[in-house]
Amino acid sequence: MLSRTADHLFWMSRYTERAENTARMLDVNYQTSLLPQSAAVAELGWQGLLKISELLPSYQALYGDITPQKVIEFMVKDEDNPSSILSCLKAARENARAVRGTLTTEVWETQNQTWLEAKRLLAQGELERDPSQFFEWVKFRSHLSRGVTVGTMLIDEALHFMRLGTFLERGDNTARLLDVKFHAVESDFFGLANDQDQEYDFYHWSAILRSVSGFEIYRKVYRDVIQPDRVAELLVLRHDMPRALRACMDEVVHNLERVCGSKDCPSCRLAGKLRAELQFTSIDEILANGLHAFLTQFLDRINLIGAEVSREFLIPS
């Protein structure tokens, strides 16, 4: 396979996954903002969302003060923001168009229709009318894209590069979400919350779980009240939780080995070492050394894996 073809497939999947992740975070923040809470706590939620995407400086340069309407506008419709949902769907569609001959008809039509439908919905004001319904639509289109890909593509290098892009992006997003949300609880929240805000603690952890479709899974696995250490364990170390860091790295290693044909390439060694550490560590050990330090290191290492994949197989950025 040509490096240019692999590059387009890899980034098509990453952008589709990024659009879904952004929709998930926006939806949970929007739903949480409707709950009774102080204005300061509400603003922290939207500020945390911008921090997760590393877009806080860009947002403040354009809009200044943080409001739900402005953040949603920036994260959904602003085509000058490369991480907005519209920008991601456009980039995914353009990457798909560049390798249309490699994709099945169903995969191409799904990507193309998603982009065209997104523009139509936004032009008709669907986002302003019902933000949650629009975010659900974005998630549904991402699910549809993955399902069509797995259900119609030949299981060859093309599919492995697409899956590789999906799980690198998903692991990166889960780590960012955990880092920002746990840091908010440990510092800002308790300094700003009053007695009437204490119930927000439950909704905070519920929101983290719902943003990764993990609320029902948590109840099934732990059958207990929501506890921060168990939330961390579920989203970091569980191999059977689809959006957990361990599960993402399992998929990254699996698809890299299929692409490389062995376990000896540099990217395979980097990914295998990170997966092994997630496999054999415990949540108590991670928390004792500091969750923020662990997640920061994870993000550095998964970005290094992405860069090594680009150097070995794709068009170097």
Protein backbone atom coordinates (compact mmCIF):
# COMPACT_ATOMS: atom_id res chain seq x y z
CA MET A 1 0.00 0.00 0.00
CA LEU A 2 1.21 3.52 -0.81
CA SER A 3 2.11 5.68 2.18
CA ARG A 4 -0.18 8.42 0.91
CA THR A 5 -3.15 6.02 0.79
CA ALA A 6 -2.44 4.74 4.30
CA ASP A 7 -2.14 8.33 5.52
CA HIS A 8 -5.58 9.28 4.18
CA LEU A 9 -7.21 6.18 5.67
CA PHE A 10 -5.53 6.73 9.03
CA TRP A 11 -6.61 10.36 9.28
CA MET A 12 -10.09 9.75 7.93
CA SER A 13 -10.73 7.49 10.91
CA ARG A 14 -9.03 9.82 13.39
CA TYR A 15 -11.14 12.79 12.32
CA THR A 16 -14.36 10.76 12.47
CA GLU A 17 -13.50 9.58 15.98
CA ARG A 18 -12.53 13.12 17.01
CA ALA A 19 -15.89 14.49 15.86
CA GLU A 20 -17.68 11.85 17.94
CA ASN A 21 -15.53 12.52 21.01
CA THR A 22 -16.18 16.25 20.75
CA ALA A 23 -19.92 15.63 20.45
CA ARG A 24 -19.82 13.37 23.52
CA MET A 25 -18.08 15.96 25.67
CA LEU A 26 -20.29 18.81 24.47
CA ASP A 27 -23.46 16.83 25.09
CA VAL A 28 -22.50 15.88 28.64
CA ASN A 29 -21.41 19.45 29.44
CA TYR A 30 -24.66 20.80 28.01
CA GLN A 31 -26.78 18.36 30.03
CA THR A 32 -24.79 19.06 33.20
CA SER A 33 -25.13 22.83 32.73
CA LEU A 34 -28.91 22.45 33.05
CA LEU A 35 -28.55 21.14 36.63
CA PRO A 36 -28.78 23.48 39.64
CA GLN A 37 -25.24 24.71 40.38
CA SER A 38 -23.29 27.88 40.99
CA ALA A 39 -22.23 29.99 38.02
CA ALA A 40 -18.55 29.45 38.89
CA VAL A 41 -18.89 25.66 38.86
CA ALA A 42 -20.82 25.79 35.58
CA GLU A 43 -18.09 27.90 33.96
CA LEU A 44 -15.44 25.44 35.12
CA GLY A 45 -17.14 22.69 33.14
CA TRP A 46 -16.96 24.63 29.87
CA GLN A 47 -13.42 25.79 30.63
CA GLY A 48 -12.41 22.17 31.23
CA LEU A 49 -13.87 21.19 27.86
CA LEU A 50 -11.68 23.74 26.11
CA LYS A 51 -8.65 22.58 28.08
CA ILE A 52 -9.23 18.95 27.06
CA SER A 53 -8.96 19.99 23.41
CA GLU A 54 -6.09 22.44 24.10
CA LEU A 55 -8.22 25.23 22.64
CA LEU A 56 -8.63 27.56 25.62
CA PRO A 57 -6.13 30.20 24.35
CA SER A 58 -7.66 30.14 20.84
CA TYR A 59 -11.16 30.49 22.24
CA GLN A 60 -10.27 33.35 24.60
CA ALA A 61 -8.54 35.22 21.77
CA LEU A 62 -11.76 35.10 19.75
CA TYR A 63 -14.54 35.33 22.34
CA GLY A 64 -13.07 36.39 25.67
CA ASP A 65 -15.54 35.33 28.36
CA ILE A 66 -16.71 31.71 28.53
CA THR A 67 -20.41 31.05 27.89
CA PRO A 68 -22.15 27.81 26.84
CA GLN A 69 -23.47 29.30 23.60
CA LYS A 70 -20.10 30.61 22.50
CA VAL A 71 -18.24 27.40 23.40
CA ILE A 72 -20.77 25.27 21.51
CA GLU A 73 -20.54 27.59 18.51
CA PHE A 74 -16.73 27.42 18.58
CA MET A 75 -16.58 23.64 19.04
CA VAL A 76 -19.26 22.76 16.49
CA LYS A 77 -19.52 25.29 13.67
CA ASP A 78 -16.24 27.25 13.54
CA GLU A 79 -14.38 26.01 10.44
CA ASP A 80 -11.31 28.00 11.53
CA ASN A 81 -11.11 25.70 14.56
CA PRO A 82 -9.49 22.48 13.25
CA SER A 83 -11.00 20.47 16.11
CA SER A 84 -14.60 21.62 15.64
CA ILE A 85 -17.12 18.97 14.65
CA LEU A 86 -17.71 20.58 11.26
CA SER A 87 -13.97 20.79 10.55
CA CYS A 88 -13.44 17.16 11.56
CA LEU A 89 -16.31 15.90 9.40
CA LYS A 90 -15.01 17.92 6.47
CA ALA A 91 -11.46 16.60 6.92
CA ALA A 92 -12.74 13.02 7.22
CA ARG A 93 -14.74 13.41 4.02
CA GLU A 94 -11.81 14.95 2.12
CA ASN A 95 -9.49 12.15 3.20
CA ALA A 96 -12.10 9.60 2.13
CA ARG A 97 -12.51 11.31 -1.24
CA ALA A 98 -8.76 11.14 -1.84
CA VAL A 99 -8.80 7.32 -1.52
CA ARG A 100 -12.30 6.65 -2.79
CA GLY A 101 -11.07 3.72 -4.87
CA THR A 102 -9.74 1.96 -1.77
CA LEU A 103 -13.04 2.23 0.11
CA THR A 104 -16.20 0.28 -0.45
CA THR A 105 -19.14 2.22 -1.87
CA GLU A 106 -20.91 2.03 1.48
CA VAL A 107 -17.99 3.54 3.40
CA TRP A 108 -17.57 6.42 0.94
CA GLU A 109 -21.30 7.19 0.82
CA THR A 110 -21.49 7.22 4.62
CA GLN A 111 -18.64 9.73 4.91
CA ASN A 112 -19.96 11.91 2.11
CA GLN A 113 -23.55 11.90 3.34
CA THR A 114 -22.46 12.72 6.89
CA TRP A 115 -20.65 15.85 5.70
CA LEU A 116 -23.53 17.00 3.48
CA GLU A 117 -26.14 16.30 6.16
CA ALA A 118 -24.11 18.10 8.84
CA LYS A 119 -24.01 21.27 6.73
CA ARG A 120 -27.76 21.03 6.10
CA LEU A 121 -28.64 20.52 9.77
CA LEU A 122 -26.47 23.43 10.91
CA ALA A 123 -27.85 25.72 8.19
CA GLN A 124 -31.40 24.89 9.33
CA GLY A 125 -30.60 25.76 12.97
CA GLU A 126 -30.87 22.24 14.38
CA LEU A 127 -27.99 22.90 16.78
CA GLU A 128 -29.70 25.92 18.33
CA ARG A 129 -33.09 24.17 18.38
CA ASP A 130 -31.90 21.07 20.24
CA PRO A 131 -28.15 20.72 20.90
CA SER A 132 -28.45 17.24 22.44
CA GLN A 133 -30.29 15.87 19.43
CA PHE A 134 -27.57 17.20 17.11
CA PHE A 135 -24.82 15.66 19.25
CA GLU A 136 -26.65 12.33 19.24
CA TRP A 137 -26.80 12.53 15.45
CA VAL A 138 -23.00 13.05 15.26
CA LYS A 139 -22.42 10.04 17.52
CA PHE A 140 -24.82 7.93 15.46
CA ARG A 141 -23.03 8.83 12.21
CA SER A 142 -19.68 7.88 13.75
CA HIS A 143 -21.11 4.54 14.91
CA LEU A 144 -22.52 4.01 11.44
CA SER A 145 -19.17 4.78 9.85
CA ARG A 146 -17.35 2.24 12.03
CA GLY A 147 -20.01 -0.39 11.51
CA VAL A 148 -20.00 0.02 7.74
CA THR A 149 -16.21 -0.08 7.72
CA VAL A 150 -15.94 -3.30 9.71
CA GLY A 151 -18.90 -4.85 7.91
CA THR A 152 -17.89 -4.16 4.30
CA MET A 153 -14.12 -3.60 4.06
CA LEU A 154 -11.69 -6.38 3.25
CA ILE A 155 -9.65 -7.30 6.31
CA ASP A 156 -6.32 -6.06 4.96
CA GLU A 157 -3.86 -3.22 5.52
CA ALA A 158 -6.45 -0.57 4.65
CA LEU A 159 -8.74 -1.68 7.45
CA HIS A 160 -5.87 -1.99 9.92
CA PHE A 161 -4.73 1.59 9.29
CA MET A 162 -8.30 2.82 9.74
CA ARG A 163 -8.68 0.95 13.03
CA LEU A 164 -5.27 2.15 14.15
CA GLY A 165 -6.30 5.78 13.65
CA THR A 166 -9.57 5.22 15.52
CA PHE A 167 -8.01 3.75 18.66
CA LEU A 168 -5.05 6.12 18.86
CA GLU A 169 -7.53 9.01 18.77
CA ARG A 170 -9.86 7.37 21.27
CA GLY A 171 -7.07 6.62 23.76
CA ASP A 172 -5.79 10.19 23.50
CA ASN A 173 -9.26 11.61 24.13
CA THR A 174 -10.04 9.37 27.12
CA ALA A 175 -6.74 10.32 28.77
CA ARG A 176 -7.39 14.04 28.23
CA LEU A 177 -10.92 13.76 29.59
CA LEU A 178 -9.78 11.94 32.72
CA ASP A 179 -6.90 14.31 33.36
CA VAL A 180 -8.95 17.50 33.15
CA LYS A 181 -12.00 16.20 35.01
CA PHE A 182 -10.05 14.64 37.89
CA HIS A 183 -7.92 17.76 38.21
CA ALA A 184 -11.07 19.90 38.40
CA VAL A 185 -12.40 17.84 41.29
CA GLU A 186 -9.11 17.85 43.18
CA SER A 187 -8.62 21.62 42.94
CA ASP A 188 -11.15 24.08 41.60
CA PHE A 189 -14.42 22.38 42.43
CA PHE A 190 -13.94 22.02 46.16
CA GLY A 191 -12.76 25.58 46.41
CA LEU A 192 -15.88 26.92 44.75
CA ALA A 193 -18.69 24.58 45.73
CA ASN A 194 -21.08 25.53 48.52
CA ASP A 195 -23.35 23.31 50.60
CA GLN A 196 -26.02 23.30 47.92
CA ASP A 197 -23.52 22.09 45.33
CA GLN A 198 -22.55 18.87 47.09
CA GLU A 199 -24.91 16.75 45.02
CA TYR A 200 -22.94 17.99 42.00
CA ASP A 201 -20.21 15.54 43.02
CA PHE A 202 -22.41 12.59 41.99
CA TYR A 203 -23.43 14.25 38.73
CA HIS A 204 -19.79 15.11 38.00
CA TRP A 205 -18.67 11.47 38.07
CA SER A 206 -21.82 10.38 36.26
CA ALA A 207 -21.04 12.92 33.54
CA ILE A 208 -17.52 11.54 33.08
CA LEU A 209 -18.92 8.03 32.70
CA ARG A 210 -21.73 9.07 30.36
CA SER A 211 -19.30 10.95 28.12
CA VAL A 212 -17.62 7.61 27.34
CA SER A 213 -20.83 5.53 27.43
CA GLY A 214 -19.60 3.99 30.68
CA PHE A 215 -22.40 4.67 33.18
CA GLU A 216 -24.27 1.39 32.66
CA ILE A 217 -20.98 -0.50 32.36
CA TYR A 218 -19.84 0.91 35.74
CA ARG A 219 -23.07 -0.26 37.39
CA LYS A 220 -22.68 -3.71 35.86
CA VAL A 221 -19.01 -4.13 36.83
CA TYR A 222 -18.96 -2.57 40.32
CA ARG A 223 -22.62 -2.65 41.47
CA ASP A 224 -21.88 0.18 43.91
CA VAL A 225 -22.04 3.93 44.33
CA ILE A 226 -19.77 5.84 41.97
CA GLN A 227 -16.31 6.23 43.48
CA PRO A 228 -13.46 8.22 41.86
CA ASP A 229 -10.86 5.44 42.15
CA ARG A 230 -13.18 2.96 40.47
CA VAL A 231 -14.01 5.42 37.71
CA ALA A 232 -10.28 5.77 37.10
CA GLU A 233 -9.79 1.99 37.13
CA LEU A 234 -12.64 1.47 34.67
CA LEU A 235 -11.37 4.07 32.21
CA VAL A 236 -7.67 3.22 32.51
CA LEU A 237 -7.13 -0.48 33.19
CA ARG A 238 -10.19 -2.44 32.05
CA HIS A 239 -9.53 -4.44 28.89
CA ASP A 240 -13.28 -5.01 28.38
CA MET A 241 -14.34 -1.34 28.54
CA PRO A 242 -14.28 -0.15 24.88
CA ARG A 243 -13.01 3.35 25.63
CA ALA A 244 -10.56 2.49 28.40
CA LEU A 245 -6.87 3.19 27.80
CA ARG A 246 -6.00 -0.52 28.13
CA ALA A 247 -8.65 -1.55 25.57
CA CYS A 248 -7.48 1.13 23.13
CA MET A 249 -3.87 -0.01 23.43
CA ASP A 250 -4.90 -3.64 22.91
CA GLU A 251 -6.40 -2.60 19.57
CA VAL A 252 -3.44 -0.40 18.66
CA VAL A 253 -1.00 -3.26 19.27
CA HIS A 254 -3.19 -5.75 17.40
CA ASN A 255 -3.49 -3.58 14.29
CA LEU A 256 0.17 -2.54 14.33
CA GLU A 257 1.25 -6.17 14.40
CA ARG A 258 -0.96 -6.90 11.39
CA VAL A 259 0.52 -3.94 9.49
CA CYS A 260 4.13 -4.72 10.42
CA GLY A 261 3.86 -8.47 10.10
CA SER A 262 6.00 -8.81 13.22
CA LYS A 263 6.56 -7.33 16.68
CA ASP A 264 10.01 -5.93 15.95
CA CYS A 265 9.24 -2.53 14.40
CA PRO A 266 9.82 0.57 16.59
CA SER A 267 6.12 1.51 16.74
CA CYS A 268 5.19 -2.06 17.79
CA ARG A 269 7.76 -2.00 20.57
CA LEU A 270 6.58 1.38 21.85
CA ALA A 271 2.93 0.35 21.78
CA GLY A 272 3.62 -3.08 23.26
CA LYS A 273 5.56 -1.63 26.17
CA LEU A 274 2.79 0.87 26.98
CA ARG A 275 0.14 -1.86 26.73
CA ALA A 276 2.17 -4.15 29.03
CA GLU A 277 2.44 -1.44 31.69
CA LEU A 278 -1.33 -0.93 31.60
CA GLN A 279 -1.83 -4.69 31.79
CA PHE A 280 0.33 -5.31 34.84
CA THR A 281 -0.11 -2.17 36.96
CA SER A 282 -2.87 -1.49 39.50
CA ILE A 283 -5.03 1.56 40.07
CA ASP A 284 -3.67 1.91 43.63
CA GLU A 285 -0.14 2.16 42.24
CA ILE A 286 -1.21 4.74 39.68
CA LEU A 287 -3.05 6.87 42.24
CA ALA A 288 -0.17 6.63 44.72
CA ASN A 289 2.22 8.06 42.12
CA GLY A 290 -0.33 10.63 40.92
CA LEU A 291 -3.01 10.19 38.26
CA HIS A 292 -2.12 13.49 36.57
CA ALA A 293 1.53 12.44 36.17
CA PHE A 294 0.46 9.04 34.80
CA LEU A 295 -1.97 10.53 32.27
CA THR A 296 0.50 13.20 31.17
CA GLN A 297 3.08 10.50 30.52
CA PHE A 298 0.49 8.38 28.71
CA LEU A 299 -0.40 11.27 26.40
CA ASP A 300 3.26 11.89 25.63
CA ARG A 301 3.81 8.23 24.83
CA ILE A 302 0.70 7.75 22.70
CA ASN A 303 1.62 10.87 20.72
CA LEU A 304 5.11 9.40 20.29
CA ILE A 305 3.53 6.19 18.97
CA GLY A 306 1.47 8.23 16.50
CA ALA A 307 4.57 10.08 15.35
CA GLU A 308 6.47 6.81 14.93
CA VAL A 309 3.60 5.32 12.92
CA SER A 310 3.71 8.38 10.67
CA ARG A 311 7.48 8.09 10.27
CA GLU A 312 7.38 4.38 9.45
CA PHE A 313 4.26 4.05 7.34
CA LEU A 314 2.62 7.38 6.52
CA ILE A 315 3.56 10.79 5.18
CA PRO A 316 5.71 12.40 7.91
CA SER A 317 4.08 15.55 9.29
